Amino acid sequence: MREYYIKSATSSYLDDKTATILGITKPDANIIVERLTSLCRDGVDPLVSIDHRIETFRGKELLFIHIKESAIKPVHIKSQTIEESYIRSGGTTRKASRQEIGALILNSKTPTLEELHSSKLLNEVE
């Protein structure tokens, strides 16, 4: 349901028939960023960071979102097990095999103190 809402909300800023960019309002951009931030914070494990910026292109406001690659892998849906991890490849998303999950874990990087999220540290202390 969340995925559908985000897709439908973001696609409404482009005219499907003419491929004309309609742009986005700052309040709408804020809503999308808040929902994505919430998903990245509460919906996946480990935490994922996002950056965003609003740019003007041909007189229209556009929202750009960058989801940073996590050093700790695999990132998976918090309510599911690590076996329910997915891999994004090209334009597709597919379930990761056990071998791929193992390789992701082996190739994970131990984050430095500066790379850790403060909320993650606070949760571990409590």
PDB file of N, CA and C in Angstrom:
ATOM      1  N   MET A   1       0.821  -1.184   0.000  1.00  0.00           N
ATOM      2  CA  MET A   1       0.000   0.000   0.000  1.00  0.00           C
ATOM      3  C   MET A   1       0.874   1.260   0.000  1.00  0.00           C
ATOM      4  N   ARG A   2       1.929   1.281   0.829  1.00  0.00           N
ATOM      5  CA  ARG A   2       2.814   2.447   0.873  1.00  0.00           C
ATOM      6  C   ARG A   2       3.469   2.678  -0.477  1.00  0.00           C
ATOM      7  N   GLU A   3       3.949   1.577  -1.094  1.00  0.00           N
ATOM      8  CA  GLU A   3       4.627   1.685  -2.378  1.00  0.00           C
ATOM      9  C   GLU A   3       3.681   2.287  -3.412  1.00  0.00           C
ATOM     10  N   TYR A   4       2.433   1.820  -3.422  1.00  0.00           N
ATOM     11  CA  TYR A   4       1.453   2.337  -4.370  1.00  0.00           C
ATOM     12  C   TYR A   4       1.241   3.832  -4.156  1.00  0.00           C
ATOM     13  N   TYR A   5       1.110   4.254  -2.902  1.00  0.00           N
ATOM     14  CA  TYR A   5       0.874   5.664  -2.629  1.00  0.00           C
ATOM     15  C   TYR A   5       2.031   6.519  -3.130  1.00  0.00           C
ATOM     16  N   ILE A   6       3.245   6.090  -2.851  1.00  0.00           N
ATOM     17  CA  ILE A   6       4.404   6.886  -3.269  1.00  0.00           C
ATOM     18  C   ILE A   6       4.479   6.946  -4.786  1.00  0.00           C
ATOM     19  N   LYS A   7       4.269   5.801  -5.456  1.00  0.00           N
ATOM     20  CA  LYS A   7       4.306   5.797  -6.916  1.00  0.00           C
ATOM     21  C   LYS A   7       3.216   6.691  -7.490  1.00  0.00           C
ATOM     22  N   SER A   8       2.001   6.580  -6.963  1.00  0.00           N
ATOM     23  CA  SER A   8       0.904   7.375  -7.513  1.00  0.00           C
ATOM     24  C   SER A   8       1.118   8.857  -7.221  1.00  0.00           C
ATOM     25  N   ALA A   9       1.661   9.174  -6.060  1.00  0.00           N
ATOM     26  CA  ALA A   9       1.903  10.576  -5.728  1.00  0.00           C
ATOM     27  C   ALA A   9       2.990  11.167  -6.605  1.00  0.00           C
ATOM     28  N   THR A  10       4.059  10.414  -6.839  1.00  0.00           N
ATOM     29  CA  THR A  10       5.156  10.961  -7.632  1.00  0.00           C
ATOM     30  C   THR A  10       4.816  11.007  -9.106  1.00  0.00           C
ATOM     31  N   SER A  11       4.034  10.057  -9.605  1.00  0.00           N
ATOM     32  CA  SER A  11       3.709  10.062 -11.027  1.00  0.00           C
ATOM     33  C   SER A  11       2.725  11.162 -11.387  1.00  0.00           C
ATOM     34  N   SER A  12       2.051  11.738 -10.400  1.00  0.00           N
ATOM     35  CA  SER A  12       1.072  12.777 -10.699  1.00  0.00           C
ATOM     36  C   SER A  12       1.733  14.108 -11.073  1.00  0.00           C
ATOM     37  N   TYR A  13       3.044  14.193 -11.051  1.00  0.00           N
ATOM     38  CA  TYR A  13       3.740  15.421 -11.395  1.00  0.00           C
ATOM     39  C   TYR A  13       4.270  15.407 -12.823  1.00  0.00           C
ATOM     40  N   LEU A  14       3.795  14.409 -13.603  1.00  0.00           N
ATOM     41  CA  LEU A  14       4.163  14.281 -15.002  1.00  0.00           C
ATOM     42  C   LEU A  14       2.891  13.949 -15.766  1.00  0.00           C
ATOM     43  N   ASP A  15       2.615  14.703 -16.826  1.00  0.00           N
ATOM     44  CA  ASP A  15       1.438  14.426 -17.645  1.00  0.00           C
ATOM     45  C   ASP A  15       1.718  13.174 -18.466  1.00  0.00           C
ATOM     46  N   ASP A  16       0.966  12.101 -18.198  1.00  0.00           N
ATOM     47  CA  ASP A  16       1.200  10.820 -18.859  1.00  0.00           C
ATOM     48  C   ASP A  16       1.000  10.874 -20.373  1.00  0.00           C
ATOM     49  N   LYS A  17       0.082  11.690 -20.845  1.00  0.00           N
ATOM     50  CA  LYS A  17      -0.228  11.723 -22.280  1.00  0.00           C
ATOM     51  C   LYS A  17       0.812  12.490 -23.084  1.00  0.00           C
ATOM     52  N   THR A  18       1.314  13.574 -22.523  1.00  0.00           N
ATOM     53  CA  THR A  18       2.243  14.417 -23.279  1.00  0.00           C
ATOM     54  C   THR A  18       3.667  14.360 -22.746  1.00  0.00           C
ATOM     55  N   ALA A  19       3.883  13.677 -21.639  1.00  0.00           N
ATOM     56  CA  ALA A  19       5.197  13.605 -20.975  1.00  0.00           C
ATOM     57  C   ALA A  19       5.707  14.997 -20.605  1.00  0.00           C
ATOM     58  N   THR A  20       4.780  15.900 -20.350  1.00  0.00           N
ATOM     59  CA  THR A  20       5.115  17.258 -19.926  1.00  0.00           C
ATOM     60  C   THR A  20       5.333  17.269 -18.423  1.00  0.00           C
ATOM     61  N   ILE A  21       6.429  17.882 -18.015  1.00  0.00           N
ATOM     62  CA  ILE A  21       6.719  17.990 -16.583  1.00  0.00           C
ATOM     63  C   ILE A  21       5.793  19.035 -15.987  1.00  0.00           C
ATOM     64  N   LEU A  22       5.042  18.627 -14.976  1.00  0.00           N
ATOM     65  CA  LEU A  22       4.121  19.539 -14.301  1.00  0.00           C
ATOM     66  C   LEU A  22       4.767  20.195 -13.096  1.00  0.00           C
ATOM     67  N   GLY A  23       5.779  19.560 -12.528  1.00  0.00           N
ATOM     68  CA  GLY A  23       6.452  20.098 -11.356  1.00  0.00           C
ATOM     69  C   GLY A  23       5.778  19.655 -10.075  1.00  0.00           C
ATOM     70  N   ILE A  24       6.339  20.102  -8.969  1.00  0.00           N
ATOM     71  CA  ILE A  24       5.847  19.722  -7.650  1.00  0.00           C
ATOM     72  C   ILE A  24       5.832  20.959  -6.767  1.00  0.00           C
ATOM     73  N   THR A  25       4.875  21.012  -5.870  1.00  0.00           N
ATOM     74  CA  THR A  25       4.843  22.120  -4.926  1.00  0.00           C
ATOM     75  C   THR A  25       5.728  21.754  -3.728  1.00  0.00           C
ATOM     76  N   LYS A  26       6.220  22.750  -3.045  1.00  0.00           N
ATOM     77  CA  LYS A  26       7.059  22.469  -1.870  1.00  0.00           C
ATOM     78  C   LYS A  26       6.308  21.698  -0.787  1.00  0.00           C
ATOM     79  N   PRO A  27       5.025  22.011  -0.514  1.00  0.00           N
ATOM     80  CA  PRO A  27       4.311  21.195   0.481  1.00  0.00           C
ATOM     81  C   PRO A  27       4.197  19.722   0.058  1.00  0.00           C
ATOM     82  N   ASP A  28       3.930  19.460  -1.225  1.00  0.00           N
ATOM     83  CA  ASP A  28       3.857  18.071  -1.707  1.00  0.00           C
ATOM     84  C   ASP A  28       5.224  17.392  -1.601  1.00  0.00           C
ATOM     85  N   ALA A  29       6.278  18.129  -1.945  1.00  0.00           N
ATOM     86  CA  ALA A  29       7.629  17.573  -1.837  1.00  0.00           C
ATOM     87  C   ALA A  29       7.943  17.224  -0.391  1.00  0.00           C
ATOM     88  N   ASN A  30       7.553  18.083   0.525  1.00  0.00           N
ATOM     89  CA  ASN A  30       7.795  17.821   1.947  1.00  0.00           C
ATOM     90  C   ASN A  30       7.070  16.563   2.416  1.00  0.00           C
ATOM     91  N   ILE A  31       5.839  16.359   1.953  1.00  0.00           N
ATOM     92  CA  ILE A  31       5.080  15.164   2.318  1.00  0.00           C
ATOM     93  C   ILE A  31       5.785  13.910   1.815  1.00  0.00           C
ATOM     94  N   ILE A  32       6.232  13.937   0.566  1.00  0.00           N
ATOM     95  CA  ILE A  32       6.920  12.771  -0.012  1.00  0.00           C
ATOM     96  C   ILE A  32       8.213  12.496   0.741  1.00  0.00           C
ATOM     97  N   VAL A  33       8.994  13.529   1.018  1.00  0.00           N
ATOM     98  CA  VAL A  33      10.258  13.357   1.729  1.00  0.00           C
ATOM     99  C   VAL A  33      10.010  12.823   3.141  1.00  0.00           C
ATOM    100  N   GLU A  34       9.001  13.336   3.821  1.00  0.00           N
ATOM    101  CA  GLU A  34       8.678  12.849   5.170  1.00  0.00           C
ATOM    102  C   GLU A  34       8.303  11.373   5.148  1.00  0.00           C
ATOM    103  N   ARG A  35       7.505  10.962   4.176  1.00  0.00           N
ATOM    104  CA  ARG A  35       7.087   9.555   4.094  1.00  0.00           C
ATOM    105  C   ARG A  35       8.266   8.647   3.744  1.00  0.00           C
ATOM    106  N   LEU A  36       9.108   9.072   2.800  1.00  0.00           N
ATOM    107  CA  LEU A  36      10.277   8.265   2.464  1.00  0.00           C
ATOM    108  C   LEU A  36      11.241   8.178   3.640  1.00  0.00           C
ATOM    109  N   THR A  37      11.429   9.291   4.337  1.00  0.00           N
ATOM    110  CA  THR A  37      12.307   9.295   5.506  1.00  0.00           C
ATOM    111  C   THR A  37      11.776   8.342   6.565  1.00  0.00           C
ATOM    112  N   SER A  38      10.475   8.362   6.762  1.00  0.00           N
ATOM    113  CA  SER A  38       9.857   7.459   7.725  1.00  0.00           C
ATOM    114  C   SER A  38      10.053   6.002   7.320  1.00  0.00           C
ATOM    115  N   LEU A  39       9.874   5.700   6.041  1.00  0.00           N
ATOM    116  CA  LEU A  39      10.099   4.334   5.555  1.00  0.00           C
ATOM    117  C   LEU A  39      11.555   3.905   5.752  1.00  0.00           C
ATOM    118  N   CYS A  40      12.482   4.813   5.459  1.00  0.00           N
ATOM    119  CA  CYS A  40      13.910   4.489   5.593  1.00  0.00           C
ATOM    120  C   CYS A  40      14.313   4.322   7.060  1.00  0.00           C
ATOM    121  N   ARG A  41      13.650   5.032   7.943  1.00  0.00           N
ATOM    122  CA  ARG A  41      13.976   4.967   9.365  1.00  0.00           C
ATOM    123  C   ARG A  41      13.276   3.808  10.065  1.00  0.00           C
ATOM    124  N   ASP A  42      11.989   3.628   9.786  1.00  0.00           N
ATOM    125  CA  ASP A  42      11.189   2.659  10.525  1.00  0.00           C
ATOM    126  C   ASP A  42      10.878   1.375   9.775  1.00  0.00           C
ATOM    127  N   GLY A  43      11.074   1.365   8.468  1.00  0.00           N
ATOM    128  CA  GLY A  43      10.635   0.225   7.676  1.00  0.00           C
ATOM    129  C   GLY A  43      11.702  -0.752   7.256  1.00  0.00           C
ATOM    130  N   VAL A  44      12.971  -0.360   7.391  1.00  0.00           N
ATOM    131  CA  VAL A  44      14.058  -1.241   6.955  1.00  0.00           C
ATOM    132  C   VAL A  44      15.120  -1.355   8.038  1.00  0.00           C
ATOM    133  N   ASP A  45      15.893  -2.413   7.939  1.00  0.00           N
ATOM    134  CA  ASP A  45      16.997  -2.640   8.868  1.00  0.00           C
ATOM    135  C   ASP A  45      18.202  -3.124   8.069  1.00  0.00           C
ATOM    136  N   PRO A  46      19.358  -2.504   8.213  1.00  0.00           N
ATOM    137  CA  PRO A  46      19.700  -1.352   9.037  1.00  0.00           C
ATOM    138  C   PRO A  46      19.106  -0.064   8.453  1.00  0.00           C
ATOM    139  N   LEU A  47      19.232   1.005   9.221  1.00  0.00           N
ATOM    140  CA  LEU A  47      18.712   2.304   8.784  1.00  0.00           C
ATOM    141  C   LEU A  47      19.321   2.717   7.454  1.00  0.00           C
ATOM    142  N   VAL A  48      18.553   3.454   6.671  1.00  0.00           N
ATOM    143  CA  VAL A  48      19.010   3.963   5.379  1.00  0.00           C
ATOM    144  C   VAL A  48      18.880   5.482   5.410  1.00  0.00           C
ATOM    145  N   SER A  49      19.858   6.170   4.849  1.00  0.00           N
ATOM    146  CA  SER A  49      19.829   7.635   4.807  1.00  0.00           C
ATOM    147  C   SER A  49      19.433   8.110   3.420  1.00  0.00           C
ATOM    148  N   ILE A  50      18.685   9.201   3.392  1.00  0.00           N
ATOM    149  CA  ILE A  50      18.353   9.810   2.110  1.00  0.00           C
ATOM    150  C   ILE A  50      18.716  11.282   2.144  1.00  0.00           C
ATOM    151  N   ASP A  51      19.024  11.807   0.966  1.00  0.00           N
ATOM    152  CA  ASP A  51      19.216  13.240   0.767  1.00  0.00           C
ATOM    153  C   ASP A  51      18.193  13.671  -0.275  1.00  0.00           C
ATOM    154  N   HIS A  52      17.787  14.917  -0.210  1.00  0.00           N
ATOM    155  CA  HIS A  52      16.869  15.417  -1.223  1.00  0.00           C
ATOM    156  C   HIS A  52      17.185  16.879  -1.516  1.00  0.00           C
ATOM    157  N   ARG A  53      16.710  17.283  -2.683  1.00  0.00           N
ATOM    158  CA  ARG A  53      16.902  18.666  -3.083  1.00  0.00           C
ATOM    159  C   ARG A  53      15.802  19.028  -4.079  1.00  0.00           C
ATOM    160  N   ILE A  54      15.332  20.242  -4.027  1.00  0.00           N
ATOM    161  CA  ILE A  54      14.371  20.739  -5.001  1.00  0.00           C
ATOM    162  C   ILE A  54      15.126  21.666  -5.945  1.00  0.00           C
ATOM    163  N   GLU A  55      15.001  21.385  -7.227  1.00  0.00           N
ATOM    164  CA  GLU A  55      15.670  22.177  -8.264  1.00  0.00           C
ATOM    165  C   GLU A  55      14.616  22.713  -9.230  1.00  0.00           C
ATOM    166  N   THR A  56      14.912  23.841  -9.836  1.00  0.00           N
ATOM    167  CA  THR A  56      14.021  24.410 -10.848  1.00  0.00           C
ATOM    168  C   THR A  56      14.554  24.045 -12.226  1.00  0.00           C
ATOM    169  N   PHE A  57      13.666  23.477 -13.052  1.00  0.00           N
ATOM    170  CA  PHE A  57      14.017  23.100 -14.422  1.00  0.00           C
ATOM    171  C   PHE A  57      12.907  23.586 -15.335  1.00  0.00           C
ATOM    172  N   ARG A  58      13.250  24.470 -16.267  1.00  0.00           N
ATOM    173  CA  ARG A  58      12.273  25.034 -17.197  1.00  0.00           C
ATOM    174  C   ARG A  58      11.065  25.619 -16.463  1.00  0.00           C
ATOM    175  N   GLY A  59      11.353  26.300 -15.369  1.00  0.00           N
ATOM    176  CA  GLY A  59      10.310  26.967 -14.617  1.00  0.00           C
ATOM    177  C   GLY A  59       9.477  26.063 -13.720  1.00  0.00           C
ATOM    178  N   LYS A  60       9.844  24.798 -13.611  1.00  0.00           N
ATOM    179  CA  LYS A  60       9.096  23.849 -12.783  1.00  0.00           C
ATOM    180  C   LYS A  60       9.993  23.349 -11.658  1.00  0.00           C
ATOM    181  N   GLU A  61       9.395  23.216 -10.476  1.00  0.00           N
ATOM    182  CA  GLU A  61      10.125  22.682  -9.326  1.00  0.00           C
ATOM    183  C   GLU A  61      10.154  21.157  -9.417  1.00  0.00           C
ATOM    184  N   LEU A  62      11.340  20.563  -9.310  1.00  0.00           N
ATOM    185  CA  LEU A  62      11.506  19.113  -9.352  1.00  0.00           C
ATOM    186  C   LEU A  62      12.149  18.642  -8.054  1.00  0.00           C
ATOM    187  N   LEU A  63      11.717  17.502  -7.576  1.00  0.00           N
ATOM    188  CA  LEU A  63      12.260  16.910  -6.357  1.00  0.00           C
ATOM    189  C   LEU A  63      13.216  15.798  -6.750  1.00  0.00           C
ATOM    190  N   PHE A  64      14.460  15.899  -6.290  1.00  0.00           N
ATOM    191  CA  PHE A  64      15.462  14.862  -6.520  1.00  0.00           C
ATOM    192  C   PHE A  64      15.760  14.188  -5.188  1.00  0.00           C
ATOM    193  N   ILE A  65      15.734  12.866  -5.190  1.00  0.00           N
ATOM    194  CA  ILE A  65      15.994  12.100  -3.976  1.00  0.00           C
ATOM    195  C   ILE A  65      17.145  11.147  -4.249  1.00  0.00           C
ATOM    196  N   HIS A  66      18.115  11.146  -3.334  1.00  0.00           N
ATOM    197  CA  HIS A  66      19.257  10.237  -3.423  1.00  0.00           C
ATOM    198  C   HIS A  66      19.228   9.331  -2.201  1.00  0.00           C
ATOM    199  N   ILE A  67      19.119   8.030  -2.444  1.00  0.00           N
ATOM    200  CA  ILE A  67      19.171   7.059  -1.356  1.00  0.00           C
ATOM    201  C   ILE A  67      20.589   6.523  -1.316  1.00  0.00           C
ATOM    202  N   LYS A  68      21.264   6.797  -0.216  1.00  0.00           N
ATOM    203  CA  LYS A  68      22.669   6.403  -0.095  1.00  0.00           C
ATOM    204  C   LYS A  68      22.795   4.886   0.045  1.00  0.00           C
ATOM    205  N   GLU A  69      23.836   4.342  -0.566  1.00  0.00           N
ATOM    206  CA  GLU A  69      24.102   2.910  -0.424  1.00  0.00           C
ATOM    207  C   GLU A  69      24.519   2.633   1.014  1.00  0.00           C
ATOM    208  N   SER A  70      23.936   1.625   1.577  1.00  0.00           N
ATOM    209  CA  SER A  70      24.259   1.268   2.957  1.00  0.00           C
ATOM    210  C   SER A  70      25.573   0.513   3.014  1.00  0.00           C
ATOM    211  N   ALA A  71      26.393   0.829   3.997  1.00  0.00           N
ATOM    212  CA  ALA A  71      27.638   0.093   4.199  1.00  0.00           C
ATOM    213  C   ALA A  71      27.358  -1.279   4.789  1.00  0.00           C
ATOM    214  N   ILE A  72      26.285  -1.374   5.567  1.00  0.00           N
ATOM    215  CA  ILE A  72      25.906  -2.638   6.206  1.00  0.00           C
ATOM    216  C   ILE A  72      24.847  -3.292   5.332  1.00  0.00           C
ATOM    217  N   LYS A  73      25.135  -4.500   4.879  1.00  0.00           N
ATOM    218  CA  LYS A  73      24.232  -5.178   3.956  1.00  0.00           C
ATOM    219  C   LYS A  73      23.882  -6.556   4.468  1.00  0.00           C
ATOM    220  N   PRO A  74      22.770  -7.115   4.022  1.00  0.00           N
ATOM    221  CA  PRO A  74      21.765  -6.503   3.162  1.00  0.00           C
ATOM    222  C   PRO A  74      20.771  -5.674   3.965  1.00  0.00           C
ATOM    223  N   VAL A  75      20.199  -4.685   3.325  1.00  0.00           N
ATOM    224  CA  VAL A  75      19.107  -3.923   3.913  1.00  0.00           C
ATOM    225  C   VAL A  75      17.837  -4.707   3.587  1.00  0.00           C
ATOM    226  N   HIS A  76      17.014  -4.918   4.589  1.00  0.00           N
ATOM    227  CA  HIS A  76      15.791  -5.692   4.366  1.00  0.00           C
ATOM    228  C   HIS A  76      14.626  -5.063   5.110  1.00  0.00           C
ATOM    229  N   ILE A  77      13.429  -5.487   4.762  1.00  0.00           N
ATOM    230  CA  ILE A  77      12.229  -4.980   5.416  1.00  0.00           C
ATOM    231  C   ILE A  77      12.258  -5.404   6.874  1.00  0.00           C
ATOM    232  N   LYS A  78      12.092  -4.457   7.771  1.00  0.00           N
ATOM    233  CA  LYS A  78      12.256  -4.689   9.206  1.00  0.00           C
ATOM    234  C   LYS A  78      11.325  -5.766   9.753  1.00  0.00           C
ATOM    235  N   SER A  79      10.121  -5.855   9.250  1.00  0.00           N
ATOM    236  CA  SER A  79       9.163  -6.823   9.775  1.00  0.00           C
ATOM    237  C   SER A  79       9.384  -8.232   9.238  1.00  0.00           C
ATOM    238  N   GLN A  80      10.383  -8.406   8.352  1.00  0.00           N
ATOM    239  CA  GLN A  80      10.663  -9.713   7.778  1.00  0.00           C
ATOM    240  C   GLN A  80      12.090 -10.140   8.111  1.00  0.00           C
ATOM    241  N   THR A  81      12.401 -11.381   7.817  1.00  0.00           N
ATOM    242  CA  THR A  81      13.739 -11.891   8.096  1.00  0.00           C
ATOM    243  C   THR A  81      14.714 -11.445   7.017  1.00  0.00           C
ATOM    244  N   ILE A  82      15.980 -11.628   7.289  1.00  0.00           N
ATOM    245  CA  ILE A  82      17.019 -11.249   6.333  1.00  0.00           C
ATOM    246  C   ILE A  82      16.912 -12.063   5.038  1.00  0.00           C
ATOM    247  N   GLU A  83      16.278 -13.244   5.125  1.00  0.00           N
ATOM    248  CA  GLU A  83      16.084 -14.061   3.927  1.00  0.00           C
ATOM    249  C   GLU A  83      15.126 -13.409   2.942  1.00  0.00           C
ATOM    250  N   GLU A  84      14.387 -12.400   3.405  1.00  0.00           N
ATOM    251  CA  GLU A  84      13.469 -11.663   2.541  1.00  0.00           C
ATOM    252  C   GLU A  84      14.133 -10.386   2.029  1.00  0.00           C
ATOM    253  N   SER A  85      15.378 -10.512   1.583  1.00  0.00           N
ATOM    254  CA  SER A  85      16.117  -9.383   1.017  1.00  0.00           C
ATOM    255  C   SER A  85      15.940  -9.394  -0.499  1.00  0.00           C
ATOM    256  N   TYR A  86      16.027  -8.216  -1.080  1.00  0.00           N
ATOM    257  CA  TYR A  86      15.842  -8.076  -2.514  1.00  0.00           C
ATOM    258  C   TYR A  86      17.031  -7.348  -3.117  1.00  0.00           C
ATOM    259  N   ILE A  87      17.267  -7.612  -4.396  1.00  0.00           N
ATOM    260  CA  ILE A  87      18.366  -6.975  -5.120  1.00  0.00           C
ATOM    261  C   ILE A  87      17.776  -6.167  -6.263  1.00  0.00           C
ATOM    262  N   ARG A  88      18.245  -4.952  -6.383  1.00  0.00           N
ATOM    263  CA  ARG A  88      17.832  -4.087  -7.491  1.00  0.00           C
ATOM    264  C   ARG A  88      18.891  -4.225  -8.569  1.00  0.00           C
ATOM    265  N   SER A  89      18.485  -4.629  -9.755  1.00  0.00           N
ATOM    266  CA  SER A  89      19.419  -4.834 -10.861  1.00  0.00           C
ATOM    267  C   SER A  89      18.816  -4.226 -12.117  1.00  0.00           C
ATOM    268  N   GLY A  90      19.463  -3.183 -12.635  1.00  0.00           N
ATOM    269  CA  GLY A  90      18.900  -2.491 -13.791  1.00  0.00           C
ATOM    270  C   GLY A  90      17.567  -1.887 -13.414  1.00  0.00           C
ATOM    271  N   GLY A  91      16.544  -2.219 -14.168  1.00  0.00           N
ATOM    272  CA  GLY A  91      15.213  -1.698 -13.885  1.00  0.00           C
ATOM    273  C   GLY A  91      14.320  -2.688 -13.161  1.00  0.00           C
ATOM    274  N   THR A  92      14.924  -3.746 -12.608  1.00  0.00           N
ATOM    275  CA  THR A  92      14.105  -4.769 -11.960  1.00  0.00           C
ATOM    276  C   THR A  92      14.503  -4.960 -10.501  1.00  0.00           C
ATOM    277  N   THR A  93      13.602  -5.534  -9.738  1.00  0.00           N
ATOM    278  CA  THR A  93      13.860  -5.901  -8.350  1.00  0.00           C
ATOM    279  C   THR A  93      13.544  -7.383  -8.220  1.00  0.00           C
ATOM    280  N   ARG A  94      14.452  -8.139  -7.636  1.00  0.00           N
ATOM    281  CA  ARG A  94      14.231  -9.571  -7.459  1.00  0.00           C
ATOM    282  C   ARG A  94      14.706 -10.010  -6.093  1.00  0.00           C
ATOM    283  N   LYS A  95      14.154 -11.131  -5.636  1.00  0.00           N
ATOM    284  CA  LYS A  95      14.535 -11.672  -4.339  1.00  0.00           C
ATOM    285  C   LYS A  95      15.975 -12.184  -4.409  1.00  0.00           C
ATOM    286  N   ALA A  96      16.755 -11.876  -3.381  1.00  0.00           N
ATOM    287  CA  ALA A  96      18.157 -12.312  -3.330  1.00  0.00           C
ATOM    288  C   ALA A  96      18.216 -13.791  -2.944  1.00  0.00           C
ATOM    289  N   SER A  97      19.135 -14.505  -3.569  1.00  0.00           N
ATOM    290  CA  SER A  97      19.348 -15.911  -3.214  1.00  0.00           C
ATOM    291  C   SER A  97      20.140 -15.984  -1.912  1.00  0.00           C
ATOM    292  N   ARG A  98      20.180 -17.167  -1.305  1.00  0.00           N
ATOM    293  CA  ARG A  98      20.959 -17.338  -0.061  1.00  0.00           C
ATOM    294  C   ARG A  98      22.424 -17.017  -0.302  1.00  0.00           C
ATOM    295  N   GLN A  99      22.954 -17.410  -1.476  1.00  0.00           N
ATOM    296  CA  GLN A  99      24.354 -17.128  -1.793  1.00  0.00           C
ATOM    297  C   GLN A  99      24.598 -15.618  -1.913  1.00  0.00           C
ATOM    298  N   GLU A 100      23.660 -14.924  -2.530  1.00  0.00           N
ATOM    299  CA  GLU A 100      23.804 -13.474  -2.671  1.00  0.00           C
ATOM    300  C   GLU A 100      23.718 -12.781  -1.312  1.00  0.00           C
ATOM    301  N   ILE A 101      22.835 -13.250  -0.450  1.00  0.00           N
ATOM    302  CA  ILE A 101      22.736 -12.678   0.895  1.00  0.00           C
ATOM    303  C   ILE A 101      24.047 -12.898   1.650  1.00  0.00           C
ATOM    304  N   GLY A 102      24.599 -14.098   1.541  1.00  0.00           N
ATOM    305  CA  GLY A 102      25.882 -14.388   2.182  1.00  0.00           C
ATOM    306  C   GLY A 102      26.987 -13.494   1.662  1.00  0.00           C
ATOM    307  N   ALA A 103      27.030 -13.288   0.346  1.00  0.00           N
ATOM    308  CA  ALA A 103      28.052 -12.421  -0.241  1.00  0.00           C
ATOM    309  C   ALA A 103      27.877 -10.977   0.229  1.00  0.00           C
ATOM    310  N   LEU A 104      26.634 -10.526   0.337  1.00  0.00           N
ATOM    311  CA  LEU A 104      26.386  -9.168   0.829  1.00  0.00           C
ATOM    312  C   LEU A 104      26.886  -9.001   2.259  1.00  0.00           C
ATOM    313  N   ILE A 105      26.625  -9.999   3.088  1.00  0.00           N
ATOM    314  CA  ILE A 105      27.086  -9.941   4.478  1.00  0.00           C
ATOM    315  C   ILE A 105      28.614  -9.927   4.535  1.00  0.00           C
ATOM    316  N   LEU A 106      29.248 -10.797   3.753  1.00  0.00           N
ATOM    317  CA  LEU A 106      30.717 -10.856   3.742  1.00  0.00           C
ATOM    318  C   LEU A 106      31.344  -9.563   3.242  1.00  0.00           C
ATOM    319  N   ASN A 107      30.683  -8.906   2.310  1.00  0.00           N
ATOM    320  CA  ASN A 107      31.231  -7.676   1.735  1.00  0.00           C
ATOM    321  C   ASN A 107      30.772  -6.423   2.460  1.00  0.00           C
ATOM    322  N   SER A 108      30.017  -6.596   3.545  1.00  0.00           N
ATOM    323  CA  SER A 108      29.603  -5.434   4.340  1.00  0.00           C
ATOM    324  C   SER A 108      30.813  -4.799   4.985  1.00  0.00           C
ATOM    325  N   LYS A 109      30.691  -3.530   5.234  1.00  0.00           N
ATOM    326  CA  LYS A 109      31.763  -2.769   5.857  1.00  0.00           C
ATOM    327  C   LYS A 109      31.337  -2.423   7.277  1.00  0.00           C
ATOM    328  N   THR A 110      32.234  -2.555   8.223  1.00  0.00           N
ATOM    329  CA  THR A 110      31.940  -2.115   9.577  1.00  0.00           C
ATOM    330  C   THR A 110      31.976  -0.594   9.582  1.00  0.00           C
ATOM    331  N   PRO A 111      30.857   0.047   9.933  1.00  0.00           N
ATOM    332  CA  PRO A 111      30.826   1.508   9.881  1.00  0.00           C
ATOM    333  C   PRO A 111      31.689   2.146  10.959  1.00  0.00           C
ATOM    334  N   THR A 112      32.222   3.300  10.622  1.00  0.00           N
ATOM    335  CA  THR A 112      32.958   4.089  11.606  1.00  0.00           C
ATOM    336  C   THR A 112      31.945   4.825  12.475  1.00  0.00           C
ATOM    337  N   LEU A 113      32.405   5.412  13.556  1.00  0.00           N
ATOM    338  CA  LEU A 113      31.523   6.152  14.453  1.00  0.00           C
ATOM    339  C   LEU A 113      30.773   7.251  13.701  1.00  0.00           C
ATOM    340  N   GLU A 114      31.462   7.924  12.777  1.00  0.00           N
ATOM    341  CA  GLU A 114      30.849   9.016  12.035  1.00  0.00           C
ATOM    342  C   GLU A 114      29.746   8.524  11.105  1.00  0.00           C
ATOM    343  N   GLU A 115      29.815   7.266  10.681  1.00  0.00           N
ATOM    344  CA  GLU A 115      28.822   6.725   9.756  1.00  0.00           C
ATOM    345  C   GLU A 115      27.574   6.188  10.454  1.00  0.00           C
ATOM    346  N   LEU A 116      27.652   5.972  11.759  1.00  0.00           N
ATOM    347  CA  LEU A 116      26.507   5.444  12.484  1.00  0.00           C
ATOM    348  C   LEU A 116      25.449   6.520  12.675  1.00  0.00           C
ATOM    349  N   HIS A 117      24.200   6.102  12.730  1.00  0.00           N
ATOM    350  CA  HIS A 117      23.097   7.025  12.990  1.00  0.00           C
ATOM    351  C   HIS A 117      22.957   7.194  14.495  1.00  0.00           C
ATOM    352  N   SER A 118      22.801   8.413  14.940  1.00  0.00           N
ATOM    353  CA  SER A 118      22.712   8.650  16.381  1.00  0.00           C
ATOM    354  C   SER A 118      21.508   7.919  16.985  1.00  0.00           C
ATOM    355  N   SER A 119      20.409   7.835  16.284  1.00  0.00           N
ATOM    356  CA  SER A 119      19.229   7.164  16.827  1.00  0.00           C
ATOM    357  C   SER A 119      19.499   5.681  17.010  1.00  0.00           C
ATOM    358  N   LYS A 120      20.315   5.089  16.151  1.00  0.00           N
ATOM    359  CA  LYS A 120      20.657   3.676  16.281  1.00  0.00           C
ATOM    360  C   LYS A 120      21.465   3.475  17.560  1.00  0.00           C
ATOM    361  N   LEU A 121      22.405   4.365  17.821  1.00  0.00           N
ATOM    362  CA  LEU A 121      23.209   4.250  19.033  1.00  0.00           C
ATOM    363  C   LEU A 121      22.345   4.408  20.276  1.00  0.00           C
ATOM    364  N   LEU A 122      21.430   5.362  20.258  1.00  0.00           N
ATOM    365  CA  LEU A 122      20.561   5.585  21.400  1.00  0.00           C
ATOM    366  C   LEU A 122      19.677   4.381  21.662  1.00  0.00           C
ATOM    367  N   ASN A 123      19.172   3.740  20.591  1.00  0.00           N
ATOM    368  CA  ASN A 123      18.333   2.558  20.758  1.00  0.00           C
ATOM    369  C   ASN A 123      19.117   1.419  21.387  1.00  0.00           C
ATOM    370  N   GLU A 124      20.393   1.276  21.053  1.00  0.00           N
ATOM    371  CA  GLU A 124      21.202   0.195  21.597  1.00  0.00           C
ATOM    372  C   GLU A 124      21.531   0.439  23.065  1.00  0.00           C
ATOM    373  N   VAL A 125      21.655   1.705  23.478  1.00  0.00           N
ATOM    374  CA  VAL A 125      21.979   2.031  24.870  1.00  0.00           C
ATOM    375  C   VAL A 125      20.788   1.735  25.763  1.00  0.00           C
ATOM    376  N   GLU A 126      19.581   2.026  25.276  1.00  0.00           N
ATOM    377  CA  GLU A 126      18.368   1.816  26.056  1.00  0.00           C
ATOM    378  C   GLU A 126      18.105   0.368  26.177  1.00  0.00           C
TER     379      GLU A 126
END
